């Protein structure tokens, strides 16, 4: 009996396309943390929790079904694009655009200090942003970042960064050298400040 955990993501997607349900289950397990990370900014602003995770899972299944193993994109890059699009489409379809910062599909993931490409549009063969779209998106992300810097305290920014990275309250508290209760209080303040800013 084969050990499904020994296969890489691209191999598992091909196996799933060939009818191997166990391969699909393995990918779902591997990518659930990424899906949670993609939905976290929207939880913070009042998203529907498990509903958004389910939408992310649907995006993952789409990526498993349509990934081209011969293409140039990695499965992770392609899957992330599909997951993020599905989540944003679900939120837009629910009519929340006027209440949340989704006019251009922005994610608060950009606030964390990281060099990775989480949150950035990735070419997946089906969609490649134009240079103009990339410039506009970057300008809007810069504006969002500056706005958050202006309304959040240094502690709140650090707490938000840890939250968006998927850290637990305990891990955030340790990193900030604050009690867990202070982290919870900071997140409550962040929610109120962002809700006020985006509804104004």
N, C-alpha and C. Protein backbone atom coordinates (compact mmCIF):
# COMPACT_ATOMS: atom_id res chain seq x y z
N UNK A 1 0.85 -1.20 0.00
CA UNK A 1 0.00 0.00 0.00
C UNK A 1 0.89 1.25 0.00
N UNK A 2 0.60 2.18 -0.90
CA UNK A 2 1.44 3.37 -1.03
C UNK A 2 1.22 4.33 0.13
N UNK A 3 2.29 5.03 0.54
CA UNK A 3 2.20 6.05 1.57
C UNK A 3 1.92 7.38 0.88
N UNK A 4 0.67 7.84 0.98
CA UNK A 4 0.22 9.02 0.24
C UNK A 4 1.01 10.26 0.66
N UNK A 5 1.52 10.26 1.90
CA UNK A 5 2.24 11.43 2.39
C UNK A 5 3.59 11.64 1.75
N UNK A 6 4.10 10.64 1.00
CA UNK A 6 5.41 10.76 0.38
C UNK A 6 5.38 11.52 -0.94
N UNK A 7 4.19 11.74 -1.49
CA UNK A 7 4.07 12.41 -2.79
C UNK A 7 4.04 13.93 -2.61
N UNK A 8 4.60 14.66 -3.59
CA UNK A 8 4.53 16.11 -3.50
C UNK A 8 3.15 16.59 -3.98
N UNK A 9 2.91 17.89 -3.82
CA UNK A 9 1.58 18.44 -4.10
C UNK A 9 1.18 18.26 -5.56
N UNK A 10 2.11 18.51 -6.48
CA UNK A 10 1.80 18.38 -7.90
C UNK A 10 1.44 16.93 -8.25
N UNK A 11 2.18 15.98 -7.68
CA UNK A 11 1.89 14.56 -7.93
C UNK A 11 0.51 14.19 -7.38
N UNK A 12 0.21 14.71 -6.20
CA UNK A 12 -1.09 14.42 -5.60
C UNK A 12 -2.23 14.99 -6.44
N UNK A 13 -2.03 16.18 -7.01
CA UNK A 13 -3.09 16.76 -7.84
C UNK A 13 -3.34 15.91 -9.07
N UNK A 14 -2.26 15.39 -9.66
CA UNK A 14 -2.41 14.52 -10.82
C UNK A 14 -3.13 13.22 -10.42
N UNK A 15 -2.76 12.67 -9.28
CA UNK A 15 -3.42 11.45 -8.79
C UNK A 15 -4.91 11.71 -8.55
N UNK A 16 -5.23 12.89 -8.02
CA UNK A 16 -6.64 13.24 -7.78
C UNK A 16 -7.39 13.33 -9.10
N UNK A 17 -6.76 13.94 -10.10
CA UNK A 17 -7.39 14.05 -11.41
C UNK A 17 -7.65 12.68 -12.03
N UNK A 18 -6.86 11.70 -11.60
CA UNK A 18 -7.02 10.33 -12.10
C UNK A 18 -7.96 9.50 -11.23
N UNK A 19 -8.60 10.15 -10.26
CA UNK A 19 -9.62 9.47 -9.47
C UNK A 19 -9.20 9.01 -8.09
N UNK A 20 -8.03 9.42 -7.62
CA UNK A 20 -7.55 8.99 -6.31
C UNK A 20 -8.06 9.95 -5.25
N UNK A 21 -9.12 9.57 -4.55
CA UNK A 21 -9.72 10.43 -3.54
C UNK A 21 -8.80 10.64 -2.34
N UNK A 22 -7.97 9.64 -2.04
CA UNK A 22 -7.04 9.77 -0.92
C UNK A 22 -6.04 10.90 -1.17
N UNK A 23 -5.66 11.07 -2.44
CA UNK A 23 -4.74 12.16 -2.80
C UNK A 23 -5.41 13.51 -2.54
N UNK A 24 -6.68 13.60 -2.87
CA UNK A 24 -7.42 14.84 -2.62
C UNK A 24 -7.54 15.14 -1.13
N UNK A 25 -7.77 14.10 -0.34
CA UNK A 25 -7.87 14.28 1.11
C UNK A 25 -6.55 14.74 1.70
N UNK A 26 -5.45 14.21 1.17
CA UNK A 26 -4.13 14.60 1.65
C UNK A 26 -3.86 16.07 1.33
N UNK A 27 -4.21 16.50 0.12
CA UNK A 27 -4.01 17.91 -0.24
C UNK A 27 -4.89 18.82 0.61
N UNK A 28 -6.12 18.40 0.87
CA UNK A 28 -7.02 19.21 1.71
C UNK A 28 -6.43 19.39 3.10
N UNK A 29 -5.84 18.33 3.62
CA UNK A 29 -5.21 18.41 4.94
C UNK A 29 -4.01 19.35 4.92
N UNK A 30 -3.19 19.24 3.88
CA UNK A 30 -2.00 20.08 3.77
C UNK A 30 -2.35 21.55 3.61
N UNK A 31 -3.44 21.84 2.90
CA UNK A 31 -3.74 23.23 2.55
C UNK A 31 -4.77 23.90 3.45
N UNK A 32 -5.31 23.19 4.42
CA UNK A 32 -6.26 23.83 5.33
C UNK A 32 -5.62 25.00 6.08
N UNK A 33 -4.37 24.89 6.56
CA UNK A 33 -3.75 26.07 7.22
C UNK A 33 -3.65 27.28 6.29
N UNK A 34 -3.32 27.05 5.01
CA UNK A 34 -3.24 28.16 4.06
C UNK A 34 -4.62 28.78 3.85
N UNK A 35 -5.64 27.94 3.75
CA UNK A 35 -7.00 28.45 3.58
C UNK A 35 -7.40 29.31 4.77
N UNK A 36 -7.07 28.84 5.97
CA UNK A 36 -7.39 29.63 7.17
C UNK A 36 -6.66 30.96 7.14
N UNK A 37 -5.41 30.93 6.69
CA UNK A 37 -4.64 32.17 6.61
C UNK A 37 -5.26 33.12 5.61
N UNK A 38 -5.71 32.61 4.48
CA UNK A 38 -6.33 33.47 3.46
C UNK A 38 -7.63 34.09 3.96
N UNK A 39 -8.35 33.40 4.84
CA UNK A 39 -9.63 33.92 5.31
C UNK A 39 -9.50 34.81 6.54
N UNK A 40 -8.37 34.75 7.22
CA UNK A 40 -8.25 35.47 8.49
C UNK A 40 -8.53 36.97 8.41
N UNK A 41 -8.04 37.69 7.40
CA UNK A 41 -8.36 39.13 7.36
C UNK A 41 -9.86 39.40 7.32
N UNK A 42 -10.61 38.51 6.68
CA UNK A 42 -12.04 38.71 6.54
C UNK A 42 -12.79 38.28 7.79
N UNK A 43 -12.24 37.29 8.53
CA UNK A 43 -12.80 36.99 9.86
C UNK A 43 -12.70 38.23 10.72
N UNK A 44 -11.54 38.88 10.65
CA UNK A 44 -11.27 40.04 11.49
C UNK A 44 -12.29 41.13 11.24
N UNK A 45 -12.71 41.28 9.99
CA UNK A 45 -13.65 42.34 9.64
C UNK A 45 -15.09 41.84 9.57
N UNK A 46 -15.34 40.64 10.08
CA UNK A 46 -16.71 40.18 10.18
C UNK A 46 -17.12 39.14 9.16
N UNK A 47 -16.18 38.38 8.63
CA UNK A 47 -16.51 37.31 7.68
C UNK A 47 -17.28 36.19 8.36
N UNK A 48 -17.70 35.22 7.57
CA UNK A 48 -18.56 34.16 8.07
C UNK A 48 -17.83 32.90 8.51
N UNK A 49 -16.61 33.02 8.96
CA UNK A 49 -15.92 31.90 9.58
C UNK A 49 -15.87 30.65 8.74
N UNK A 50 -16.56 29.62 9.20
CA UNK A 50 -16.52 28.32 8.53
C UNK A 50 -17.04 28.39 7.10
N UNK A 51 -17.98 29.29 6.84
CA UNK A 51 -18.47 29.43 5.47
C UNK A 51 -17.33 29.83 4.53
N UNK A 52 -16.48 30.76 4.98
CA UNK A 52 -15.36 31.18 4.14
C UNK A 52 -14.34 30.07 3.97
N UNK A 53 -14.13 29.28 5.02
CA UNK A 53 -13.21 28.15 4.90
C UNK A 53 -13.74 27.15 3.88
N UNK A 54 -15.05 26.92 3.89
CA UNK A 54 -15.64 26.01 2.90
C UNK A 54 -15.45 26.55 1.49
N UNK A 55 -15.61 27.87 1.31
CA UNK A 55 -15.38 28.46 0.00
C UNK A 55 -13.93 28.28 -0.42
N UNK A 56 -13.01 28.46 0.53
CA UNK A 56 -11.60 28.24 0.24
C UNK A 56 -11.33 26.81 -0.17
N UNK A 57 -12.00 25.87 0.49
CA UNK A 57 -11.85 24.45 0.13
C UNK A 57 -12.35 24.18 -1.29
N UNK A 58 -13.42 24.85 -1.66
CA UNK A 58 -13.94 24.71 -3.02
C UNK A 58 -12.90 25.22 -4.03
N UNK A 59 -12.27 26.35 -3.68
CA UNK A 59 -11.20 26.86 -4.53
C UNK A 59 -10.05 25.88 -4.64
N UNK A 60 -9.71 25.23 -3.53
CA UNK A 60 -8.64 24.23 -3.55
C UNK A 60 -9.00 23.05 -4.44
N UNK A 61 -10.24 22.58 -4.33
CA UNK A 61 -10.67 21.46 -5.18
C UNK A 61 -10.58 21.85 -6.65
N UNK A 62 -10.99 23.07 -6.96
CA UNK A 62 -10.87 23.54 -8.35
C UNK A 62 -9.42 23.50 -8.82
N UNK A 63 -8.51 23.93 -7.94
CA UNK A 63 -7.10 23.92 -8.32
C UNK A 63 -6.59 22.50 -8.52
N UNK A 64 -7.06 21.57 -7.72
CA UNK A 64 -6.65 20.16 -7.88
C UNK A 64 -7.15 19.59 -9.20
N UNK A 65 -8.36 20.00 -9.56
CA UNK A 65 -8.96 19.48 -10.79
C UNK A 65 -8.33 20.07 -12.05
N UNK A 66 -7.86 21.31 -11.96
CA UNK A 66 -7.43 22.01 -13.17
C UNK A 66 -5.93 22.26 -13.27
N UNK A 67 -5.16 21.90 -12.25
CA UNK A 67 -3.73 22.16 -12.27
C UNK A 67 -3.05 21.40 -13.41
N UNK A 68 -2.18 22.11 -14.13
CA UNK A 68 -1.42 21.52 -15.23
C UNK A 68 -0.01 21.22 -14.72
N UNK A 69 0.28 19.95 -14.50
CA UNK A 69 1.57 19.57 -13.93
C UNK A 69 2.72 19.92 -14.87
N UNK A 70 2.42 20.12 -16.16
CA UNK A 70 3.45 20.48 -17.13
C UNK A 70 3.68 21.99 -17.20
N UNK A 71 2.87 22.77 -16.50
CA UNK A 71 2.99 24.22 -16.56
C UNK A 71 4.16 24.73 -15.74
N UNK A 72 4.32 26.06 -15.75
CA UNK A 72 5.46 26.68 -15.07
C UNK A 72 5.16 27.04 -13.62
N UNK A 73 3.89 27.23 -13.27
CA UNK A 73 3.54 27.61 -11.90
C UNK A 73 3.61 26.40 -10.98
N UNK A 74 4.00 26.65 -9.72
CA UNK A 74 3.97 25.58 -8.73
C UNK A 74 2.52 25.34 -8.32
N UNK A 75 2.25 24.14 -7.79
CA UNK A 75 0.88 23.87 -7.35
C UNK A 75 0.48 24.84 -6.24
N UNK A 76 1.40 25.13 -5.31
CA UNK A 76 1.07 26.03 -4.21
C UNK A 76 0.65 27.40 -4.71
N UNK A 77 1.40 27.95 -5.68
CA UNK A 77 1.06 29.26 -6.23
C UNK A 77 -0.30 29.23 -6.90
N UNK A 78 -0.53 28.19 -7.70
CA UNK A 78 -1.79 28.07 -8.42
C UNK A 78 -2.95 27.88 -7.45
N UNK A 79 -2.76 27.03 -6.45
CA UNK A 79 -3.82 26.77 -5.47
C UNK A 79 -4.17 28.03 -4.70
N UNK A 80 -3.15 28.80 -4.34
CA UNK A 80 -3.43 30.02 -3.57
C UNK A 80 -4.25 31.01 -4.37
N UNK A 81 -3.95 31.14 -5.66
CA UNK A 81 -4.75 32.03 -6.52
C UNK A 81 -6.20 31.57 -6.54
N UNK A 82 -6.41 30.27 -6.74
CA UNK A 82 -7.78 29.73 -6.80
C UNK A 82 -8.51 29.91 -5.48
N UNK A 83 -7.82 29.67 -4.37
CA UNK A 83 -8.42 29.81 -3.05
C UNK A 83 -8.84 31.25 -2.79
N UNK A 84 -7.92 32.18 -3.05
CA UNK A 84 -8.20 33.59 -2.78
C UNK A 84 -9.34 34.11 -3.66
N UNK A 85 -9.35 33.72 -4.92
CA UNK A 85 -10.41 34.18 -5.82
C UNK A 85 -11.77 33.68 -5.35
N UNK A 86 -11.81 32.40 -4.94
CA UNK A 86 -13.08 31.83 -4.50
C UNK A 86 -13.60 32.55 -3.26
N UNK A 87 -12.72 32.83 -2.32
CA UNK A 87 -13.11 33.52 -1.10
C UNK A 87 -13.63 34.92 -1.42
N UNK A 88 -12.88 35.66 -2.25
CA UNK A 88 -13.30 37.02 -2.60
C UNK A 88 -14.60 37.02 -3.39
N UNK A 89 -14.75 36.06 -4.30
CA UNK A 89 -15.99 35.97 -5.06
C UNK A 89 -17.18 35.71 -4.14
N UNK A 90 -16.98 34.85 -3.14
CA UNK A 90 -18.06 34.54 -2.21
C UNK A 90 -18.47 35.77 -1.41
N UNK A 91 -17.48 36.54 -0.97
CA UNK A 91 -17.77 37.74 -0.18
C UNK A 91 -18.47 38.78 -1.05
N UNK A 92 -17.98 38.96 -2.28
CA UNK A 92 -18.61 39.92 -3.17
C UNK A 92 -20.05 39.51 -3.48
N UNK A 93 -20.27 38.22 -3.69
CA UNK A 93 -21.61 37.73 -4.01
C UNK A 93 -22.57 37.96 -2.86
N UNK A 94 -22.05 37.99 -1.64
CA UNK A 94 -22.90 38.22 -0.47
C UNK A 94 -23.19 39.70 -0.25
N UNK A 95 -22.64 40.55 -1.13
CA UNK A 95 -22.96 41.96 -1.07
C UNK A 95 -22.28 42.72 0.06
N UNK A 96 -21.09 42.27 0.44
CA UNK A 96 -20.42 42.93 1.55
C UNK A 96 -19.40 43.98 1.10
N UNK A 97 -19.32 44.27 -0.16
CA UNK A 97 -18.28 45.17 -0.64
C UNK A 97 -18.26 46.52 0.09
N UNK A 98 -19.41 47.07 0.37
CA UNK A 98 -19.42 48.39 0.99
C UNK A 98 -19.00 48.36 2.45
N UNK A 99 -18.94 47.15 3.04
CA UNK A 99 -18.57 47.04 4.44
C UNK A 99 -17.14 46.56 4.65
N UNK A 100 -16.50 46.11 3.58
CA UNK A 100 -15.18 45.52 3.73
C UNK A 100 -14.24 46.01 2.63
N UNK A 101 -12.92 45.98 2.87
CA UNK A 101 -11.96 46.53 1.90
C UNK A 101 -11.66 45.58 0.76
N UNK A 102 -12.72 45.28 -0.02
CA UNK A 102 -12.55 44.27 -1.05
C UNK A 102 -12.72 44.83 -2.46
N UNK A 103 -12.80 46.15 -2.58
CA UNK A 103 -13.07 46.72 -3.89
C UNK A 103 -12.07 46.26 -4.94
N UNK A 104 -10.83 46.01 -4.51
CA UNK A 104 -9.82 45.54 -5.46
C UNK A 104 -9.24 44.22 -5.01
N UNK A 105 -9.95 43.50 -4.14
CA UNK A 105 -9.46 42.20 -3.70
C UNK A 105 -8.23 42.31 -2.82
N UNK A 106 -8.09 43.38 -2.02
CA UNK A 106 -6.91 43.53 -1.19
C UNK A 106 -7.00 42.63 0.03
N UNK A 107 -5.85 42.22 0.52
CA UNK A 107 -5.78 41.41 1.73
C UNK A 107 -4.89 42.10 2.74
N UNK A 108 -5.27 42.04 4.00
CA UNK A 108 -4.45 42.64 5.05
C UNK A 108 -3.20 41.83 5.32
N UNK A 109 -3.01 40.71 4.63
CA UNK A 109 -1.76 39.95 4.76
C UNK A 109 -0.57 40.83 4.46
N UNK A 110 -0.77 41.88 3.65
CA UNK A 110 0.34 42.74 3.25
C UNK A 110 0.94 43.49 4.43
N UNK A 111 0.22 43.53 5.57
CA UNK A 111 0.71 44.29 6.71
C UNK A 111 1.85 43.58 7.44
N UNK A 112 1.98 42.27 7.25
CA UNK A 112 3.03 41.57 7.99
C UNK A 112 4.38 41.82 7.34
N UNK A 113 5.40 41.79 8.15
CA UNK A 113 6.76 41.99 7.64
C UNK A 113 7.26 40.67 7.09
N UNK A 114 7.16 40.49 5.78
CA UNK A 114 7.55 39.22 5.18
C UNK A 114 7.95 39.46 3.75
N UNK A 115 8.84 38.61 3.25
CA UNK A 115 9.29 38.73 1.87
C UNK A 115 8.57 37.75 0.95
N UNK A 116 7.62 36.97 1.52
CA UNK A 116 6.99 35.98 0.65
C UNK A 116 5.94 36.64 -0.22
N UNK A 117 5.29 35.85 -1.06
CA UNK A 117 4.38 36.43 -2.05
C UNK A 117 2.92 36.23 -1.67
N UNK A 118 2.64 35.91 -0.39
CA UNK A 118 1.26 35.73 0.02
C UNK A 118 0.48 37.01 -0.25
N UNK A 119 -0.67 36.87 -0.89
CA UNK A 119 -1.50 38.03 -1.13
C UNK A 119 -1.27 38.68 -2.47
N UNK A 120 -0.19 38.35 -3.15
CA UNK A 120 0.08 38.96 -4.45
C UNK A 120 -0.53 38.12 -5.55
N UNK A 121 -1.00 38.74 -6.64
CA UNK A 121 -1.55 37.97 -7.74
C UNK A 121 -0.46 37.15 -8.41
N UNK A 122 -0.78 35.92 -8.73
CA UNK A 122 0.19 35.03 -9.34
C UNK A 122 -0.34 34.52 -10.67
N UNK A 123 0.50 34.48 -11.66
CA UNK A 123 0.08 33.97 -12.97
C UNK A 123 -0.18 32.48 -12.86
N UNK A 124 -1.35 32.06 -13.34
CA UNK A 124 -1.67 30.64 -13.24
C UNK A 124 -2.07 30.06 -14.59
N UNK A 125 -1.79 30.78 -15.63
CA UNK A 125 -2.14 30.28 -16.95
C UNK A 125 -3.49 30.79 -17.41
N UNK A 126 -4.44 30.98 -16.47
CA UNK A 126 -5.77 31.44 -16.83
C UNK A 126 -5.89 32.95 -16.70
N UNK A 127 -5.04 33.55 -15.87
CA UNK A 127 -5.15 34.99 -15.64
C UNK A 127 -3.78 35.56 -15.34
N UNK A 128 -3.44 36.62 -16.04
CA UNK A 128 -2.20 37.36 -15.77
C UNK A 128 -2.56 38.83 -15.69
N UNK A 129 -2.34 39.48 -14.52
CA UNK A 129 -2.69 40.89 -14.38
C UNK A 129 -1.89 41.75 -15.36
N UNK A 130 -2.54 42.80 -15.86
CA UNK A 130 -1.83 43.73 -16.74
C UNK A 130 -0.91 44.59 -15.90
N UNK A 131 0.10 45.23 -16.52
CA UNK A 131 0.98 46.14 -15.76
C UNK A 131 0.19 47.24 -15.06
N UNK A 132 -0.87 47.75 -15.73
CA UNK A 132 -1.67 48.80 -15.12
C UNK A 132 -2.39 48.29 -13.88
N UNK A 133 -2.93 47.06 -13.95
CA UNK A 133 -3.62 46.48 -12.79
C UNK A 133 -2.66 46.30 -11.62
N UNK A 134 -1.44 45.86 -11.92
CA UNK A 134 -0.45 45.66 -10.86
C UNK A 134 -0.08 46.98 -10.20
N UNK A 135 0.08 48.03 -11.00
CA UNK A 135 0.43 49.35 -10.44
C UNK A 135 -0.70 49.87 -9.56
N UNK A 136 -1.94 49.77 -10.04
CA UNK A 136 -3.08 50.24 -9.27
C UNK A 136 -3.21 49.45 -7.98
N UNK A 137 -3.06 48.13 -8.07
CA UNK A 137 -3.18 47.29 -6.88
C UNK A 137 -2.11 47.65 -5.85
N UNK A 138 -0.87 47.87 -6.32
CA UNK A 138 0.20 48.21 -5.39
C UNK A 138 -0.05 49.56 -4.73
N UNK A 139 -0.58 50.52 -5.50
CA UNK A 139 -0.89 51.84 -4.93
C UNK A 139 -1.97 51.71 -3.85
N UNK A 140 -2.96 50.86 -4.11
CA UNK A 140 -4.04 50.70 -3.14
C UNK A 140 -3.54 49.97 -1.89
N UNK A 141 -2.64 49.00 -2.09
CA UNK A 141 -2.06 48.30 -0.94
C UNK A 141 -1.23 49.25 -0.10
N UNK A 142 -0.47 50.13 -0.77
CA UNK A 142 0.34 51.11 -0.04
C UNK A 142 -0.56 52.04 0.76
N UNK A 143 -1.67 52.45 0.16
CA UNK A 143 -2.61 53.33 0.84
C UNK A 143 -3.23 52.64 2.05
N UNK A 144 -3.60 51.36 1.87
CA UNK A 144 -4.17 50.59 2.97
C UNK A 144 -3.16 50.43 4.10
N UNK A 145 -1.93 50.15 3.74
CA UNK A 145 -0.86 49.98 4.75
C UNK A 145 -0.67 51.28 5.54
N UNK A 146 -0.60 52.42 4.83
CA UNK A 146 -0.41 53.70 5.50
C UNK A 146 -1.59 54.04 6.39
N UNK A 147 -2.79 53.72 5.93
CA UNK A 147 -3.98 53.99 6.73
C UNK A 147 -3.94 53.20 8.04
N UNK A 148 -3.55 51.92 7.95
CA UNK A 148 -3.47 51.09 9.15
C UNK A 148 -2.39 51.59 10.09
N UNK A 149 -1.29 52.05 9.53
CA UNK A 149 -0.23 52.60 10.37
C UNK A 149 -0.71 53.85 11.11
N UNK A 150 -1.60 54.59 10.46
CA UNK A 150 -2.05 55.85 11.07
C UNK A 150 -3.09 55.64 12.16
N UNK A 151 -3.86 54.55 12.09
CA UNK A 151 -4.94 54.37 13.08
C UNK A 151 -4.61 53.32 14.14
N UNK A 152 -3.59 52.49 13.91
CA UNK A 152 -3.25 51.45 14.87
C UNK A 152 -1.98 51.82 15.62
N UNK A 153 -1.95 51.49 16.90
CA UNK A 153 -0.75 51.73 17.70
C UNK A 153 0.32 50.70 17.32
N UNK A 154 1.57 50.92 17.71
CA UNK A 154 2.62 49.92 17.42
C UNK A 154 2.26 48.53 17.96
N UNK A 155 1.71 48.48 19.17
CA UNK A 155 1.31 47.17 19.73
C UNK A 155 0.22 46.55 18.89
N UNK A 156 -0.77 47.34 18.48
CA UNK A 156 -1.88 46.82 17.68
C UNK A 156 -1.38 46.30 16.34
N UNK A 157 -0.44 47.01 15.73
CA UNK A 157 0.12 46.55 14.45
C UNK A 157 0.86 45.22 14.63
N UNK A 158 1.58 45.09 15.73
CA UNK A 158 2.31 43.85 15.98
C UNK A 158 1.34 42.70 16.24
N UNK A 159 0.30 42.96 16.99
CA UNK A 159 -0.72 41.94 17.26
C UNK A 159 -1.42 41.54 15.97
N UNK A 160 -1.78 42.53 15.14
CA UNK A 160 -2.45 42.24 13.88
C UNK A 160 -1.55 41.42 12.97
N UNK A 161 -0.27 41.75 12.90
CA UNK A 161 0.67 41.00 12.07
C UNK A 161 0.73 39.54 12.51
N UNK A 162 0.83 39.32 13.81
CA UNK A 162 0.86 37.94 14.31
C UNK A 162 -0.42 37.20 14.03
N UNK A 163 -1.55 37.88 14.19
CA UNK A 163 -2.85 37.27 13.93
C UNK A 163 -2.98 36.83 12.48
N UNK A 164 -2.56 37.72 11.57
CA UNK A 164 -2.67 37.42 10.14
C UNK A 164 -1.70 36.32 9.71
N UNK A 165 -0.64 36.12 10.48
CA UNK A 165 0.29 35.03 10.19
C UNK A 165 -0.22 33.70 10.71
N UNK A 166 -1.35 33.72 11.42
CA UNK A 166 -1.93 32.50 11.92
C UNK A 166 -1.44 32.08 13.29
N UNK A 167 -0.77 32.98 14.01
CA UNK A 167 -0.27 32.64 15.34
C UNK A 167 -1.42 32.58 16.34
N UNK A 168 -1.25 31.76 17.37
CA UNK A 168 -2.24 31.69 18.44
C UNK A 168 -2.11 32.92 19.33
N UNK A 169 -3.13 33.16 20.15
CA UNK A 169 -3.07 34.29 21.08
C UNK A 169 -1.85 34.16 21.99
N UNK A 170 -1.57 32.92 22.41
CA UNK A 170 -0.43 32.69 23.30
C UNK A 170 0.89 33.03 22.61
N UNK A 171 1.01 32.66 21.33
CA UNK A 171 2.24 32.95 20.58
C UNK A 171 2.40 34.46 20.35
N UNK A 172 1.28 35.12 20.05
CA UNK A 172 1.33 36.57 19.86
C UNK A 172 1.73 37.25 21.16
N UNK A 173 1.13 36.80 22.27
CA UNK A 173 1.43 37.38 23.57
C UNK A 173 2.91 37.23 23.91
N UNK A 174 3.46 36.05 23.63
CA UNK A 174 4.88 35.82 23.91
C UNK A 174 5.75 36.74 23.07
N UNK A 175 5.40 36.92 21.80
CA UNK A 175 6.18 37.77 20.92
C UNK A 175 6.12 39.24 21.32
N UNK A 176 4.98 39.64 21.88
CA UNK A 176 4.81 41.04 22.29
C UNK A 176 5.20 41.26 23.75
N UNK A 177 5.47 40.16 24.44
CA UNK A 177 5.77 40.21 25.88
C UNK A 177 4.63 40.88 26.64
N UNK A 178 3.43 40.43 26.31
CA UNK A 178 2.22 40.94 26.95
C UNK A 178 1.36 39.76 27.38
N UNK A 179 0.44 39.97 28.34
CA UNK A 179 -0.49 38.90 28.71
C UNK A 179 -1.45 38.58 27.55
N UNK A 180 -1.97 37.37 27.56
CA UNK A 180 -2.92 36.97 26.53
C UNK A 180 -4.14 37.90 26.53
N UNK A 181 -4.55 38.33 27.70
CA UNK A 181 -5.71 39.23 27.80
C UNK A 181 -5.46 40.53 27.04
N UNK A 182 -4.21 41.01 27.07
CA UNK A 182 -3.87 42.24 26.34
C UNK A 182 -3.98 42.03 24.84
N UNK A 183 -3.61 40.83 24.36
CA UNK A 183 -3.73 40.51 22.94
C UNK A 183 -5.20 40.51 22.53
N UNK A 184 -6.04 39.87 23.34
CA UNK A 184 -7.47 39.84 23.04
C UNK A 184 -8.05 41.25 23.00
N UNK A 185 -7.66 42.07 23.96
CA UNK A 185 -8.16 43.45 24.01
C UNK A 185 -7.69 44.24 22.79
N UNK A 186 -6.43 44.02 22.40
CA UNK A 186 -5.89 44.71 21.22
C UNK A 186 -6.67 44.33 19.97
N UNK A 187 -6.99 43.06 19.81
CA UNK A 187 -7.74 42.62 18.63
C UNK A 187 -9.14 43.22 18.62
N UNK A 188 -9.75 43.36 19.78
CA UNK A 188 -11.07 43.98 19.84
C UNK A 188 -10.98 45.45 19.38
N UNK A 189 -9.94 46.13 19.84
CA UNK A 189 -9.75 47.54 19.42
C UNK A 189 -9.50 47.63 17.91
N UNK A 190 -8.68 46.70 17.40
CA UNK A 190 -8.37 46.68 15.96
C UNK A 190 -9.64 46.51 15.15
N UNK A 191 -10.49 45.57 15.56
CA UNK A 191 -11.75 45.33 14.85
C UNK A 191 -12.59 46.60 14.79
N UNK A 192 -12.69 47.28 15.91
CA UNK A 192 -13.51 48.50 15.97
C UNK A 192 -12.93 49.60 15.09
N UNK A 193 -11.61 49.78 15.17
CA UNK A 193 -10.95 50.83 14.40
C UNK A 193 -11.08 50.57 12.89
N UNK A 194 -10.84 49.32 12.47
CA UNK A 194 -10.92 49.01 11.05
C UNK A 194 -12.36 49.10 10.55
N UNK A 195 -13.30 48.62 11.35
CA UNK A 195 -14.71 48.70 10.95
C UNK A 195 -15.11 50.16 10.76
N UNK A 196 -14.67 51.02 11.68
CA UNK A 196 -15.00 52.44 11.56
C UNK A 196 -14.35 53.08 10.35
N UNK A 197 -13.09 52.71 10.10
CA UNK A 197 -12.37 53.29 8.98
C UNK A 197 -12.98 52.88 7.64
N UNK A 198 -13.38 51.60 7.52
CA UNK A 198 -13.88 51.12 6.24
C UNK A 198 -15.36 51.41 6.01
N UNK A 199 -16.05 51.82 7.06
CA UNK A 199 -17.46 52.17 6.87
C UNK A 199 -17.65 53.67 6.72
N UNK A 200 -16.53 54.41 6.91
CA UNK A 200 -16.60 55.88 6.81
C UNK A 200 -16.56 56.37 5.39
